Amino acid sequence: MKAALRWFISFAGLVAAWWLVVILTGVEPFILPSPLLVVLKLIERWDYIFENAITTTIEILLGLLLGTVIGCFSALMVGHFRPARRWLMPMLVVSQAFPVFALAPILVLWLGYDMASKVAMATLIIFFPVTASFLDGLRRTEPGWVDLAATMTAGQSHARLRILWYIRIPAALPALGSGLRIAAATAPIGAIVGEWVGGSGGLGFAMLHANARMQVDLMFAALFVLACITLALYFTVDALVRRALPWSPDSALSVE
């Protein structure tokens, strides 16, 4: 109850500051609409915004799923197999050297204007934080645990895989949880950028067209819905991670 009250007070403070800026500056609505105008436009065009919100949400969720799978697989390959580490690690670093906005037109050209290019954009943004955090967790496994497990499994077949499965991966799960939280917060970026560059639907598409028609209130309404989706996704991932890892020290750091 206290957490909900704190969130409500914070939100009310932001809205009050926004409204105060509009009143004191006398700015025109086509530059900065008041919160009331945005709410009215959200109610008026709710069907249009909701339809595009569904598209963006699907793109974000698919990107989060693919980015998590690819990120975990890449971290396991780099952390467990030395030959793969020599080849994959430079490729992972180079993949982050290209700005997202520079890759978006290429992905749209290759994958088309449908959902595939937006999912690919979200995946590109998500997979590296997941890879980096999970790999860091794998590398920071308590050496004493690994030495004890190596002693107990000496002579057994697939001893290294057993140590990876029973020791390194469980020890790295809290770090993976941190990466998933970051991924949940950044996942919408890829989908929105893809919709800006070339799309036929989604909140980014709606905001771009509203901006071109000087419908700033509609653009703010779509932006508000996007923020709500991002917050809901982040808190959902955070709750799932804390529930799945109750023994992790991070689980005590609640966002509530």
Foldseek 3Di string as FASTA:
>chain_A
DVVVVVVVVVVVVVLVVLQVCCVVVVDDVLVPNHPVLLVVVCVVCVVQLVVQAVLLLVLLVLLLVLLLVLLVVLLCCLQQPPVSVVVSVVVLVVLVVDDLLVCLVVLCVVVHQESPSLSVQLSSVQNSLLNVQLNVQLVPFDVVLLVVQCVVCPPPPPSSVVCCVPGRNVSSLVSSLVSSLVSLLCSSVSNLSNCCSHYDGHLSVQLNVCVVVSVVSSNVSSVVVVVVSSVVSNLVSLVVSLVVCVVDPVVVVDPD
